[in-house]
Amino acid sequence: MSSHHPDTDTANAAHATDHWTNVSKHVFNSYVEANNALLAAMGLSSSVDDDPSRTVPDDDTTVSSSVAEVSFGDESWIMERSTDDYDSLGVGDYVRFSKPIVDADVTAFSQVSGDTNRLHLEPDFAENTRFGGRIAHGTLVAGTISAALARFPGVTIYLSQDLSFTGPVEIGDTVTAECEIVEALGGDRYRLHTTVIGEDDETVIDGEAVVIINDGPDVDV
């Protein structure tokens, strides 16, 4: 026969809650420390001008963003968009974003994603593959589509993305992502044709995205 003591149960529950809180704090703090260590290893800083909510690369190429929708830019990045006016967004509007895919990008992406495929990292191994040398991760290159989407006026939120990888990108190549609105779906939702063009003006990624583009918050930037 067991006895039930409400006061004892309450005390045990409180003790368990305190223990869980302490464990959670320890795990969270450990995660933050590990994350900061990873950022430092990648040459990134976890703060900008004492603002802990922003993270930018800590290098000499970082520049202020030319548009309010993104936090910062880089001297080697090029952006073009058809309109700066959120209220005029519609079918035919586009953003183009270009950047070189350099060795540091590939190394950092391998570390962050865990994709350490030797094809991307080891020249001797890659030379004996069908590509004859190292190539960038397909999903790293596809990330330039996300970069282009982020530069539409307003705040862009991904809903879906279909991709076809049609060609490799070598380390050091400059690629250009283009996202063009092809259909307004209502409720601030849009369908876009998304492509990435390689250095030889050949399409290396082709696809379609559906996004929400909301008006940006009224804040000082």
N, C-alpha and C. Protein backbone atom coordinates (compact mmCIF):
# COMPACT_ATOMS: atom_id res chain seq x y z
N MET A 1 0.85 -1.19 0.00
CA MET A 1 0.00 0.00 0.00
C MET A 1 0.89 1.24 0.00
N SER A 2 0.58 2.19 -0.85
CA SER A 2 1.38 3.40 -0.92
C SER A 2 0.61 4.55 -0.32
N SER A 3 1.35 5.51 0.20
CA SER A 3 0.72 6.70 0.77
C SER A 3 1.00 7.89 -0.13
N HIS A 4 0.11 8.85 -0.12
CA HIS A 4 0.22 10.03 -0.98
C HIS A 4 0.31 11.26 -0.11
N HIS A 5 1.42 12.01 -0.25
CA HIS A 5 1.64 13.21 0.56
C HIS A 5 1.79 14.40 -0.39
N PRO A 6 0.77 15.25 -0.50
CA PRO A 6 0.82 16.39 -1.43
C PRO A 6 2.03 17.28 -1.22
N ASP A 7 2.40 17.55 0.06
CA ASP A 7 3.53 18.44 0.31
C ASP A 7 4.83 17.84 -0.23
N THR A 8 4.98 16.52 -0.04
CA THR A 8 6.18 15.86 -0.53
C THR A 8 6.24 15.88 -2.04
N ASP A 9 5.07 15.61 -2.67
CA ASP A 9 5.02 15.64 -4.13
C ASP A 9 5.38 17.01 -4.68
N THR A 10 4.87 18.06 -4.01
CA THR A 10 5.15 19.43 -4.45
C THR A 10 6.63 19.74 -4.34
N ALA A 11 7.23 19.30 -3.23
CA ALA A 11 8.66 19.55 -3.04
C ALA A 11 9.49 18.81 -4.08
N ASN A 12 9.10 17.56 -4.37
CA ASN A 12 9.83 16.79 -5.37
C ASN A 12 9.70 17.42 -6.76
N ALA A 13 8.49 17.91 -7.06
CA ALA A 13 8.28 18.55 -8.36
C ALA A 13 9.11 19.82 -8.48
N ALA A 14 9.16 20.58 -7.38
CA ALA A 14 9.95 21.81 -7.40
C ALA A 14 11.43 21.50 -7.59
N HIS A 15 11.90 20.44 -6.91
CA HIS A 15 13.30 20.05 -7.04
C HIS A 15 13.60 19.62 -8.47
N ALA A 16 12.69 18.84 -9.05
CA ALA A 16 12.88 18.39 -10.43
C ALA A 16 12.91 19.56 -11.39
N THR A 17 12.02 20.55 -11.15
CA THR A 17 11.98 21.73 -12.01
C THR A 17 13.28 22.51 -11.92
N ASP A 18 13.78 22.70 -10.68
CA ASP A 18 15.04 23.42 -10.49
C ASP A 18 16.18 22.69 -11.19
N HIS A 19 16.19 21.36 -11.06
CA HIS A 19 17.25 20.58 -11.69
C HIS A 19 17.20 20.72 -13.21
N TRP A 20 15.99 20.63 -13.77
CA TRP A 20 15.82 20.77 -15.22
C TRP A 20 16.25 22.16 -15.69
N THR A 21 15.90 23.19 -14.90
CA THR A 21 16.28 24.55 -15.27
C THR A 21 17.79 24.70 -15.30
N ASN A 22 18.47 24.15 -14.28
CA ASN A 22 19.93 24.25 -14.22
C ASN A 22 20.58 23.50 -15.38
N VAL A 23 20.05 22.30 -15.68
CA VAL A 23 20.60 21.53 -16.80
C VAL A 23 20.38 22.27 -18.11
N SER A 24 19.18 22.84 -18.28
CA SER A 24 18.87 23.56 -19.51
C SER A 24 19.78 24.76 -19.69
N LYS A 25 20.02 25.50 -18.58
CA LYS A 25 20.91 26.65 -18.66
C LYS A 25 22.32 26.22 -19.06
N HIS A 26 22.77 25.10 -18.48
CA HIS A 26 24.11 24.61 -18.79
C HIS A 26 24.22 24.22 -20.26
N VAL A 27 23.20 23.49 -20.76
CA VAL A 27 23.21 23.08 -22.16
C VAL A 27 23.17 24.29 -23.08
N PHE A 28 22.30 25.27 -22.74
CA PHE A 28 22.19 26.47 -23.57
C PHE A 28 23.50 27.24 -23.59
N ASN A 29 24.10 27.43 -22.40
CA ASN A 29 25.36 28.17 -22.34
C ASN A 29 26.46 27.45 -23.09
N SER A 30 26.47 26.11 -23.00
CA SER A 30 27.46 25.34 -23.74
C SER A 30 27.27 25.51 -25.24
N TYR A 31 26.00 25.53 -25.66
CA TYR A 31 25.70 25.72 -27.08
C TYR A 31 26.18 27.10 -27.55
N VAL A 32 25.90 28.13 -26.75
CA VAL A 32 26.32 29.48 -27.11
C VAL A 32 27.83 29.56 -27.22
N GLU A 33 28.54 28.96 -26.24
CA GLU A 33 30.00 28.98 -26.28
C GLU A 33 30.53 28.25 -27.50
N ALA A 34 29.94 27.09 -27.82
CA ALA A 34 30.38 26.34 -28.99
C ALA A 34 30.09 27.11 -30.27
N ASN A 35 28.93 27.77 -30.32
CA ASN A 35 28.57 28.55 -31.49
C ASN A 35 29.53 29.72 -31.69
N ASN A 36 29.87 30.41 -30.60
CA ASN A 36 30.80 31.52 -30.69
C ASN A 36 32.19 31.05 -31.13
N ALA A 37 32.58 29.86 -30.64
CA ALA A 37 33.87 29.31 -31.05
C ALA A 37 33.89 29.00 -32.54
N LEU A 38 32.76 28.46 -33.04
CA LEU A 38 32.67 28.17 -34.47
C LEU A 38 32.72 29.44 -35.29
N LEU A 39 32.00 30.48 -34.84
CA LEU A 39 32.03 31.76 -35.54
C LEU A 39 33.44 32.33 -35.58
N ALA A 40 34.14 32.23 -34.45
CA ALA A 40 35.51 32.74 -34.40
C ALA A 40 36.41 31.97 -35.36
N ALA A 41 36.22 30.65 -35.44
CA ALA A 41 37.03 29.83 -36.34
C ALA A 41 36.78 30.18 -37.79
N MET A 42 35.56 30.66 -38.08
CA MET A 42 35.21 31.03 -39.45
C MET A 42 35.55 32.49 -39.76
N GLY A 43 36.16 33.19 -38.79
CA GLY A 43 36.48 34.59 -39.01
C GLY A 43 35.29 35.49 -38.84
N LEU A 44 34.29 35.04 -38.05
CA LEU A 44 33.10 35.84 -37.82
C LEU A 44 33.10 36.37 -36.41
N SER A 45 32.38 37.46 -36.22
CA SER A 45 32.23 38.06 -34.90
C SER A 45 30.78 37.94 -34.48
N SER A 46 30.54 37.67 -33.19
CA SER A 46 29.17 37.50 -32.72
C SER A 46 28.50 38.81 -32.38
N SER A 47 29.16 39.94 -32.61
CA SER A 47 28.53 41.23 -32.32
C SER A 47 29.03 42.28 -33.29
N VAL A 48 28.21 43.31 -33.48
CA VAL A 48 28.58 44.45 -34.31
C VAL A 48 28.24 45.71 -33.54
N ASP A 49 29.26 46.54 -33.31
CA ASP A 49 29.02 47.78 -32.58
C ASP A 49 28.28 47.52 -31.28
N ASP A 50 28.71 46.45 -30.56
CA ASP A 50 28.13 46.09 -29.27
C ASP A 50 26.67 45.68 -29.37
N ASP A 51 26.19 45.33 -30.55
CA ASP A 51 24.83 44.83 -30.73
C ASP A 51 24.90 43.31 -30.86
N PRO A 52 24.55 42.56 -29.80
CA PRO A 52 24.70 41.11 -29.83
C PRO A 52 23.72 40.41 -30.75
N SER A 53 22.76 41.14 -31.32
CA SER A 53 21.76 40.51 -32.17
C SER A 53 22.22 40.41 -33.62
N ARG A 54 23.40 40.93 -33.94
CA ARG A 54 23.86 40.93 -35.32
C ARG A 54 25.21 40.23 -35.42
N THR A 55 25.42 39.54 -36.54
CA THR A 55 26.67 38.83 -36.78
C THR A 55 27.15 39.15 -38.19
N VAL A 56 28.38 39.62 -38.31
CA VAL A 56 28.96 39.89 -39.63
C VAL A 56 30.37 39.36 -39.66
N PRO A 57 30.91 39.08 -40.86
CA PRO A 57 32.30 38.64 -40.95
C PRO A 57 33.25 39.70 -40.42
N ASP A 58 34.30 39.26 -39.79
CA ASP A 58 35.30 40.17 -39.24
C ASP A 58 36.48 40.22 -40.20
N ASP A 59 36.29 40.92 -41.33
CA ASP A 59 37.38 41.04 -42.29
C ASP A 59 37.30 42.39 -42.99
N ASP A 60 38.34 42.67 -43.79
CA ASP A 60 38.47 44.00 -44.39
C ASP A 60 37.53 44.22 -45.57
N THR A 61 36.88 43.16 -46.08
CA THR A 61 36.02 43.32 -47.25
C THR A 61 34.59 43.67 -46.89
N THR A 62 34.23 43.57 -45.60
CA THR A 62 32.86 43.85 -45.19
C THR A 62 32.55 45.33 -45.35
N VAL A 63 31.39 45.61 -45.96
CA VAL A 63 30.97 46.98 -46.18
C VAL A 63 29.52 47.13 -45.75
N SER A 64 29.08 48.37 -45.61
CA SER A 64 27.69 48.62 -45.28
C SER A 64 26.80 48.17 -46.43
N SER A 65 25.61 47.71 -46.08
CA SER A 65 24.68 47.25 -47.11
C SER A 65 24.15 48.43 -47.91
N SER A 66 23.93 48.19 -49.21
CA SER A 66 23.38 49.24 -50.07
C SER A 66 21.86 49.29 -49.98
N VAL A 67 21.24 48.29 -49.34
CA VAL A 67 19.78 48.28 -49.17
C VAL A 67 19.46 47.95 -47.73
N ALA A 68 18.29 48.39 -47.27
CA ALA A 68 17.92 48.25 -45.86
C ALA A 68 17.56 46.82 -45.49
N GLU A 69 17.30 45.96 -46.48
CA GLU A 69 16.78 44.63 -46.18
C GLU A 69 17.83 43.67 -45.63
N VAL A 70 19.11 43.96 -45.82
CA VAL A 70 20.17 43.07 -45.34
C VAL A 70 21.14 43.83 -44.46
N SER A 71 21.86 43.09 -43.60
CA SER A 71 22.68 43.72 -42.57
C SER A 71 23.99 44.29 -43.09
N PHE A 72 24.61 43.61 -44.06
CA PHE A 72 25.91 44.07 -44.52
C PHE A 72 26.18 43.52 -45.91
N GLY A 73 27.25 43.99 -46.51
CA GLY A 73 27.64 43.52 -47.83
C GLY A 73 29.11 43.17 -47.86
N ASP A 74 29.62 42.94 -49.05
CA ASP A 74 31.03 42.62 -49.25
C ASP A 74 31.46 43.28 -50.55
N GLU A 75 32.71 43.70 -50.59
CA GLU A 75 33.20 44.42 -51.76
C GLU A 75 33.08 43.60 -53.05
N SER A 76 33.09 42.27 -52.93
CA SER A 76 33.06 41.43 -54.12
C SER A 76 31.64 41.06 -54.54
N TRP A 77 30.63 41.47 -53.77
CA TRP A 77 29.25 41.15 -54.10
C TRP A 77 28.63 42.25 -54.95
N ILE A 78 27.80 41.86 -55.90
CA ILE A 78 27.10 42.82 -56.76
C ILE A 78 25.61 42.52 -56.71
N MET A 79 24.81 43.56 -56.53
CA MET A 79 23.36 43.39 -56.46
C MET A 79 22.67 44.36 -57.40
N GLU A 80 21.65 43.86 -58.08
CA GLU A 80 20.81 44.70 -58.94
C GLU A 80 19.36 44.30 -58.71
N ARG A 81 18.48 45.27 -58.56
CA ARG A 81 17.06 44.94 -58.44
C ARG A 81 16.22 45.93 -59.23
N SER A 82 15.06 45.45 -59.66
CA SER A 82 14.24 46.24 -60.58
C SER A 82 13.49 47.36 -59.88
N THR A 83 13.26 47.24 -58.58
CA THR A 83 12.55 48.29 -57.85
C THR A 83 13.01 48.34 -56.41
N ASP A 84 12.99 49.54 -55.84
CA ASP A 84 13.26 49.73 -54.42
C ASP A 84 11.97 49.93 -53.63
N ASP A 85 10.84 49.91 -54.32
CA ASP A 85 9.56 50.25 -53.71
C ASP A 85 8.74 49.00 -53.44
N TYR A 86 8.54 48.68 -52.17
CA TYR A 86 7.76 47.49 -51.81
C TYR A 86 6.35 47.55 -52.38
N ASP A 87 5.73 48.72 -52.34
CA ASP A 87 4.33 48.85 -52.77
C ASP A 87 4.14 48.60 -54.26
N SER A 88 5.22 48.68 -55.03
CA SER A 88 5.09 48.48 -56.48
C SER A 88 5.49 47.07 -56.93
N LEU A 89 5.85 46.20 -55.99
CA LEU A 89 6.27 44.84 -56.35
C LEU A 89 5.20 44.13 -57.16
N GLY A 90 5.62 43.44 -58.21
CA GLY A 90 4.67 42.68 -59.01
C GLY A 90 5.38 41.80 -60.01
N VAL A 91 4.60 41.17 -60.86
CA VAL A 91 5.15 40.26 -61.87
C VAL A 91 6.17 41.01 -62.74
N GLY A 92 7.30 40.37 -62.95
CA GLY A 92 8.37 40.97 -63.75
C GLY A 92 9.48 41.58 -62.93
N ASP A 93 9.21 41.88 -61.65
CA ASP A 93 10.27 42.42 -60.81
C ASP A 93 11.29 41.33 -60.48
N TYR A 94 12.54 41.74 -60.32
CA TYR A 94 13.61 40.76 -60.15
C TYR A 94 14.71 41.32 -59.24
N VAL A 95 15.52 40.39 -58.75
CA VAL A 95 16.78 40.73 -58.09
C VAL A 95 17.86 39.84 -58.67
N ARG A 96 19.03 40.43 -58.95
CA ARG A 96 20.21 39.66 -59.34
C ARG A 96 21.29 39.87 -58.28
N PHE A 97 21.92 38.77 -57.90
CA PHE A 97 22.97 38.84 -56.88
C PHE A 97 24.15 38.00 -57.34
N SER A 98 25.34 38.62 -57.36
CA SER A 98 26.55 37.94 -57.81
C SER A 98 27.60 37.90 -56.71
N LYS A 99 28.30 36.78 -56.61
CA LYS A 99 29.43 36.68 -55.70
C LYS A 99 30.37 35.58 -56.17
N PRO A 100 31.66 35.71 -55.88
CA PRO A 100 32.58 34.61 -56.16
C PRO A 100 32.42 33.51 -55.12
N ILE A 101 32.53 32.26 -55.55
CA ILE A 101 32.51 31.13 -54.63
C ILE A 101 33.97 30.75 -54.38
N VAL A 102 34.51 31.21 -53.27
CA VAL A 102 35.94 31.06 -53.01
C VAL A 102 36.19 29.87 -52.07
N ASP A 103 37.46 29.53 -51.94
CA ASP A 103 37.84 28.38 -51.13
C ASP A 103 37.35 28.52 -49.69
N ALA A 104 37.42 29.73 -49.15
CA ALA A 104 36.97 29.94 -47.77
C ALA A 104 35.48 29.65 -47.62
N ASP A 105 34.69 29.95 -48.66
CA ASP A 105 33.26 29.63 -48.62
C ASP A 105 33.04 28.12 -48.53
N VAL A 106 33.79 27.38 -49.35
CA VAL A 106 33.63 25.93 -49.40
C VAL A 106 34.06 25.29 -48.08
N THR A 107 35.18 25.76 -47.54
CA THR A 107 35.66 25.22 -46.27
C THR A 107 34.68 25.51 -45.14
N ALA A 108 34.20 26.75 -45.08
CA ALA A 108 33.25 27.12 -44.02
C ALA A 108 31.95 26.35 -44.16
N PHE A 109 31.46 26.20 -45.40
CA PHE A 109 30.21 25.47 -45.61
C PHE A 109 30.36 24.01 -45.20
N SER A 110 31.52 23.41 -45.50
CA SER A 110 31.76 22.03 -45.09
C SER A 110 31.69 21.89 -43.58
N GLN A 111 32.27 22.85 -42.87
CA GLN A 111 32.28 22.80 -41.42
C GLN A 111 30.89 23.01 -40.85
N VAL A 112 30.18 24.00 -41.36
CA VAL A 112 28.86 24.33 -40.82
C VAL A 112 27.84 23.24 -41.14
N SER A 113 27.87 22.73 -42.37
CA SER A 113 26.85 21.75 -42.79
C SER A 113 27.20 20.32 -42.41
N GLY A 114 28.50 20.06 -42.24
CA GLY A 114 28.94 18.68 -42.01
C GLY A 114 29.17 17.91 -43.30
N ASP A 115 28.97 18.55 -44.46
CA ASP A 115 29.19 17.89 -45.75
C ASP A 115 30.66 18.01 -46.11
N THR A 116 31.44 17.01 -45.70
CA THR A 116 32.88 17.02 -45.96
C THR A 116 33.24 16.05 -47.09
N ASN A 117 32.38 15.98 -48.08
CA ASN A 117 32.65 15.18 -49.28
C ASN A 117 34.02 15.56 -49.84
N ARG A 118 34.87 14.57 -50.07
CA ARG A 118 36.24 14.83 -50.52
C ARG A 118 36.27 15.53 -51.88
N LEU A 119 35.21 15.38 -52.67
CA LEU A 119 35.12 16.05 -53.96
C LEU A 119 35.25 17.56 -53.82
N HIS A 120 34.78 18.09 -52.70
CA HIS A 120 34.81 19.54 -52.49
C HIS A 120 36.08 20.02 -51.81
N LEU A 121 36.83 19.12 -51.17
CA LEU A 121 37.90 19.55 -50.28
C LEU A 121 39.30 19.07 -50.66
N GLU A 122 39.42 17.95 -51.36
CA GLU A 122 40.74 17.36 -51.60
C GLU A 122 41.07 17.36 -53.10
N PRO A 123 42.04 18.20 -53.51
CA PRO A 123 42.37 18.30 -54.94
C PRO A 123 42.79 16.97 -55.57
N ASP A 124 43.64 16.21 -54.90
CA ASP A 124 44.12 14.95 -55.48
C ASP A 124 42.97 13.97 -55.71
N PHE A 125 42.05 13.93 -54.77
CA PHE A 125 40.89 13.06 -54.91
C PHE A 125 39.99 13.56 -56.04
N ALA A 126 39.72 14.87 -56.05
CA ALA A 126 38.79 15.43 -57.02
C ALA A 126 39.30 15.33 -58.45
N GLU A 127 40.63 15.36 -58.63
CA GLU A 127 41.20 15.28 -59.98
C GLU A 127 40.87 13.96 -60.67
N ASN A 128 40.60 12.94 -59.89
CA ASN A 128 40.32 11.62 -60.45
C ASN A 128 38.83 11.33 -60.56
N THR A 129 38.01 12.37 -60.44
CA THR A 129 36.57 12.22 -60.63
C THR A 129 36.17 12.74 -62.00
N ARG A 130 34.92 12.61 -62.34
CA ARG A 130 34.41 13.07 -63.64
C ARG A 130 34.58 14.57 -63.83
N PHE A 131 34.77 15.32 -62.72
CA PHE A 131 34.88 16.78 -62.81
C PHE A 131 36.32 17.24 -63.03
N GLY A 132 37.29 16.38 -62.76
CA GLY A 132 38.68 16.74 -62.98
C GLY A 132 39.25 17.73 -61.99
N GLY A 133 38.54 17.99 -60.92
CA GLY A 133 39.00 18.93 -59.91
C GLY A 133 37.90 19.23 -58.92
N ARG A 134 38.25 20.00 -57.90
CA ARG A 134 37.28 20.34 -56.87
C ARG A 134 36.14 21.20 -57.42
N ILE A 135 34.95 20.97 -56.88
CA ILE A 135 33.80 21.81 -57.21
C ILE A 135 33.12 22.23 -55.91
N ALA A 136 32.34 23.29 -55.99
CA ALA A 136 31.61 23.78 -54.82
C ALA A 136 30.39 22.91 -54.56
N HIS A 137 29.96 22.87 -53.30
CA HIS A 137 28.73 22.17 -52.95
C HIS A 137 27.56 22.79 -53.72
N GLY A 138 26.68 21.95 -54.23
CA GLY A 138 25.51 22.46 -54.93
C GLY A 138 24.64 23.32 -54.05
N THR A 139 24.47 22.91 -52.79
CA THR A 139 23.60 23.68 -51.90
C THR A 139 24.25 24.99 -51.47
N LEU A 140 25.58 25.04 -51.47
CA LEU A 140 26.27 26.31 -51.21
C LEU A 140 25.97 27.29 -52.34
N VAL A 141 26.09 26.82 -53.57
CA VAL A 141 25.80 27.68 -54.72
C VAL A 141 24.33 28.10 -54.72
N ALA A 142 23.45 27.16 -54.37
CA ALA A 142 22.02 27.48 -54.31
C ALA A 142 21.72 28.54 -53.26
N GLY A 143 22.59 28.67 -52.28
CA GLY A 143 22.40 29.70 -51.26
C GLY A 143 22.39 31.11 -51.81
N THR A 144 22.98 31.30 -53.00
CA THR A 144 22.94 32.63 -53.60
C THR A 144 21.53 33.01 -54.03
N ILE A 145 20.67 32.01 -54.25
CA ILE A 145 19.26 32.30 -54.53
C ILE A 145 18.62 32.93 -53.31
N SER A 146 18.89 32.35 -52.15
CA SER A 146 18.38 32.92 -50.90
C SER A 146 18.90 34.34 -50.70
N ALA A 147 20.17 34.56 -51.05
CA ALA A 147 20.75 35.90 -50.92
C ALA A 147 20.03 36.90 -51.81
N ALA A 148 19.70 36.46 -53.03
CA ALA A 148 18.96 37.35 -53.94
C ALA A 148 17.56 37.64 -53.40
N LEU A 149 16.87 36.60 -52.94
CA LEU A 149 15.52 36.79 -52.40
C LEU A 149 15.52 37.77 -51.24
N ALA A 150 16.55 37.71 -50.41
CA ALA A 150 16.62 38.59 -49.24
C ALA A 150 16.72 40.05 -49.62
N ARG A 151 17.06 40.33 -50.88
CA ARG A 151 17.27 41.70 -51.31
C ARG A 151 16.07 42.30 -52.04
N PHE A 152 14.95 41.58 -52.09
CA PHE A 152 13.72 42.23 -52.52
C PHE A 152 13.31 43.26 -51.47
N PRO A 153 12.68 44.36 -51.87
CA PRO A 153 12.21 45.31 -50.87
C PRO A 153 11.17 44.65 -49.96
N GLY A 154 11.33 44.84 -48.65
CA GLY A 154 10.46 44.19 -47.68
C GLY A 154 11.19 43.06 -46.97
N VAL A 155 10.44 42.15 -46.39
CA VAL A 155 11.00 41.00 -45.67
C VAL A 155 10.54 39.73 -46.37
N THR A 156 11.49 38.97 -46.92
CA THR A 156 11.16 37.77 -47.69
C THR A 156 11.24 36.53 -46.82
N ILE A 157 10.20 35.69 -46.91
CA ILE A 157 10.12 34.45 -46.14
C ILE A 157 9.93 33.29 -47.11
N TYR A 158 10.86 32.34 -47.07
CA TYR A 158 10.78 31.16 -47.93
C TYR A 158 9.58 30.29 -47.56
N LEU A 159 8.84 29.82 -48.55
CA LEU A 159 7.82 28.80 -48.34
C LEU A 159 8.21 27.49 -49.01
N SER A 160 8.77 27.56 -50.22
CA SER A 160 9.21 26.34 -50.90
C SER A 160 10.23 26.70 -51.96
N GLN A 161 11.02 25.68 -52.35
CA GLN A 161 12.03 25.87 -53.39
C GLN A 161 12.26 24.55 -54.10
N ASP A 162 12.10 24.53 -55.42
CA ASP A 162 12.46 23.39 -56.24
C ASP A 162 13.74 23.73 -57.00
N LEU A 163 14.67 22.76 -57.08
CA LEU A 163 15.95 23.01 -57.72
C LEU A 163 16.34 21.86 -58.63
N SER A 164 16.96 22.20 -59.75
CA SER A 164 17.65 21.24 -60.60
C SER A 164 19.08 21.73 -60.77
N PHE A 165 20.04 20.84 -60.49
CA PHE A 165 21.45 21.19 -60.62
C PHE A 165 21.91 20.73 -62.01
N THR A 166 22.25 21.70 -62.85
CA THR A 166 22.52 21.41 -64.25
C THR A 166 23.99 21.54 -64.64
N GLY A 167 24.83 21.98 -63.72
CA GLY A 167 26.25 22.10 -64.04
C GLY A 167 27.06 22.38 -62.79
N PRO A 168 28.36 22.02 -62.81
CA PRO A 168 29.21 22.25 -61.64
C PRO A 168 29.73 23.68 -61.58
N VAL A 169 30.14 24.09 -60.39
CA VAL A 169 30.78 25.39 -60.18
C VAL A 169 32.15 25.13 -59.57
N GLU A 170 33.18 25.59 -60.25
CA GLU A 170 34.54 25.40 -59.75
C GLU A 170 34.87 26.43 -58.68
N ILE A 171 35.83 26.08 -57.84
CA ILE A 171 36.26 27.00 -56.79
C ILE A 171 36.85 28.24 -57.44
N GLY A 172 36.38 29.41 -57.03
CA GLY A 172 36.86 30.66 -57.59
C GLY A 172 35.93 31.26 -58.64
N ASP A 173 34.97 30.47 -59.12
CA ASP A 173 34.02 31.00 -60.11
C ASP A 173 33.08 32.02 -59.46
N THR A 174 32.69 33.01 -60.23
CA THR A 174 31.66 33.95 -59.80
C THR A 174 30.33 33.51 -60.39
N VAL A 175 29.31 33.45 -59.54
CA VAL A 175 27.98 33.03 -59.98
C VAL A 175 27.00 34.17 -59.77
N THR A 176 25.93 34.15 -60.54
CA THR A 176 24.88 35.16 -60.43
C THR A 176 23.53 34.47 -60.26
N ALA A 177 22.88 34.76 -59.14
CA ALA A 177 21.52 34.26 -58.91
C ALA A 177 20.52 35.31 -59.36
N GLU A 178 19.51 34.87 -60.08
CA GLU A 178 18.45 35.78 -60.50
C GLU A 178 17.11 35.21 -60.06
N CYS A 179 16.32 36.03 -59.39
CA CYS A 179 14.98 35.65 -58.94
C CYS A 179 13.99 36.64 -59.53
N GLU A 180 13.06 36.13 -60.33
CA GLU A 180 12.08 36.98 -60.99
C GLU A 180 10.67 36.54 -60.61
N ILE A 181 9.85 37.49 -60.21
CA ILE A 181 8.46 37.20 -59.87
C ILE A 181 7.69 36.87 -61.15
N VAL A 182 7.07 35.68 -61.17
CA VAL A 182 6.32 35.27 -62.35
C VAL A 182 4.82 35.18 -62.07
N GLU A 183 4.44 35.20 -60.79
CA GLU A 183 3.01 35.12 -60.46
C GLU A 183 2.77 35.68 -59.06
N ALA A 184 1.76 36.53 -58.94
CA ALA A 184 1.31 37.01 -57.63
C ALA A 184 0.19 36.09 -57.17
N LEU A 185 0.39 35.44 -56.03
CA LEU A 185 -0.55 34.42 -55.55
C LEU A 185 -1.57 34.96 -54.56
N GLY A 186 -1.42 36.23 -54.17
CA GLY A 186 -2.31 36.82 -53.18
C GLY A 186 -1.77 36.65 -51.77
N GLY A 187 -2.19 37.53 -50.88
CA GLY A 187 -1.72 37.44 -49.49
C GLY A 187 -0.23 37.64 -49.35
N ASP A 188 0.36 38.50 -50.17
CA ASP A 188 1.80 38.78 -50.16
C ASP A 188 2.63 37.58 -50.59
N ARG A 189 2.01 36.58 -51.22
CA ARG A 189 2.74 35.40 -51.68
C ARG A 189 3.03 35.54 -53.18
N TYR A 190 4.24 35.08 -53.56
CA TYR A 190 4.67 35.19 -54.95
C TYR A 190 5.37 33.90 -55.38
N ARG A 191 5.20 33.58 -56.66
CA ARG A 191 5.96 32.50 -57.27
C ARG A 191 7.07 33.13 -58.12
N LEU A 192 8.28 32.58 -58.00
CA LEU A 192 9.42 33.15 -58.70
C LEU A 192 10.17 32.08 -59.48
N HIS A 193 10.69 32.48 -60.64
CA HIS A 193 11.65 31.65 -61.36
C HIS A 193 13.02 31.98 -60.80
N THR A 194 13.76 30.95 -60.39
CA THR A 194 15.06 31.15 -59.75
C THR A 194 16.13 30.42 -60.54
N THR A 195 17.19 31.13 -60.89
CA THR A 195 18.30 30.53 -61.62
C THR A 195 19.62 30.99 -61.04
N VAL A 196 20.65 30.18 -61.27
CA VAL A 196 22.02 30.59 -60.97
C VAL A 196 22.83 30.38 -62.24
N ILE A 197 23.53 31.43 -62.66
CA ILE A 197 24.32 31.41 -63.88
C ILE A 197 25.80 31.37 -63.51
N GLY A 198 26.55 30.49 -64.17
CA GLY A 198 27.98 30.38 -63.92
C GLY A 198 28.79 31.36 -64.74
N GLU A 199 30.11 31.24 -64.64
CA GLU A 199 31.00 32.19 -65.32
C GLU A 199 30.89 32.12 -66.83
N ASP A 200 30.51 30.97 -67.37
CA ASP A 200 30.41 30.81 -68.83
C ASP A 200 29.02 31.16 -69.34
N ASP A 201 28.25 31.87 -68.52
CA ASP A 201 26.88 32.27 -68.88
C ASP A 201 25.97 31.06 -69.10
N GLU A 202 26.33 29.94 -68.49
CA GLU A 202 25.48 28.76 -68.56
C GLU A 202 24.74 28.58 -67.24
N THR A 203 23.51 28.11 -67.32
CA THR A 203 22.72 27.89 -66.12
C THR A 203 23.26 26.68 -65.37
N VAL A 204 23.59 26.88 -64.09
CA VAL A 204 24.08 25.78 -63.27
C VAL A 204 23.01 25.30 -62.29
N ILE A 205 22.02 26.14 -62.00
CA ILE A 205 20.88 25.76 -61.17
C ILE A 205 19.63 26.41 -61.75
N ASP A 206 18.57 25.63 -61.83
CA ASP A 206 17.30 26.16 -62.33
C ASP A 206 16.21 25.70 -61.36
N GLY A 207 15.24 26.57 -61.11
CA GLY A 207 14.20 26.17 -60.18
C GLY A 207 13.09 27.18 -60.03
N GLU A 208 12.28 26.94 -59.02
CA GLU A 208 11.12 27.77 -58.75
C GLU A 208 10.93 27.89 -57.25
N ALA A 209 10.60 29.08 -56.79
CA ALA A 209 10.39 29.32 -55.36
C ALA A 209 9.02 29.94 -55.15
N VAL A 210 8.47 29.70 -53.97
CA VAL A 210 7.29 30.41 -53.50
C VAL A 210 7.67 31.08 -52.19
N VAL A 211 7.41 32.38 -52.10
CA VAL A 211 7.81 33.14 -50.93
C VAL A 211 6.68 34.06 -50.49
N ILE A 212 6.79 34.52 -49.26
CA ILE A 212 5.99 35.65 -48.77
C ILE A 212 6.92 36.85 -48.73
N ILE A 213 6.46 37.98 -49.22
CA ILE A 213 7.22 39.22 -49.08
C ILE A 213 6.33 40.23 -48.35
N ASN A 214 6.66 40.45 -47.08
CA ASN A 214 5.93 41.42 -46.27
C ASN A 214 6.61 42.78 -46.31
N ASP A 215 5.84 43.81 -46.02
CA ASP A 215 6.43 45.13 -45.86
C ASP A 215 7.37 45.09 -44.67
N GLY A 216 8.50 45.78 -44.76
CA GLY A 216 9.48 45.76 -43.68
C GLY A 216 9.01 46.55 -42.48
N PRO A 217 9.52 46.21 -41.28
CA PRO A 217 9.17 46.95 -40.08
C PRO A 217 9.70 48.37 -40.12
N ASP A 218 9.02 49.26 -39.46
CA ASP A 218 9.41 50.67 -39.43
C ASP A 218 10.40 50.88 -38.30
N VAL A 219 11.68 50.58 -38.59
CA VAL A 219 12.72 50.72 -37.58
C VAL A 219 13.89 51.47 -38.18
N ASP A 220 14.70 52.06 -37.31
CA ASP A 220 15.91 52.74 -37.76
C ASP A 220 16.95 51.70 -38.12
N VAL A 221 17.64 51.87 -39.24
CA VAL A 221 18.68 50.94 -39.67
C VAL A 221 19.97 51.69 -39.92
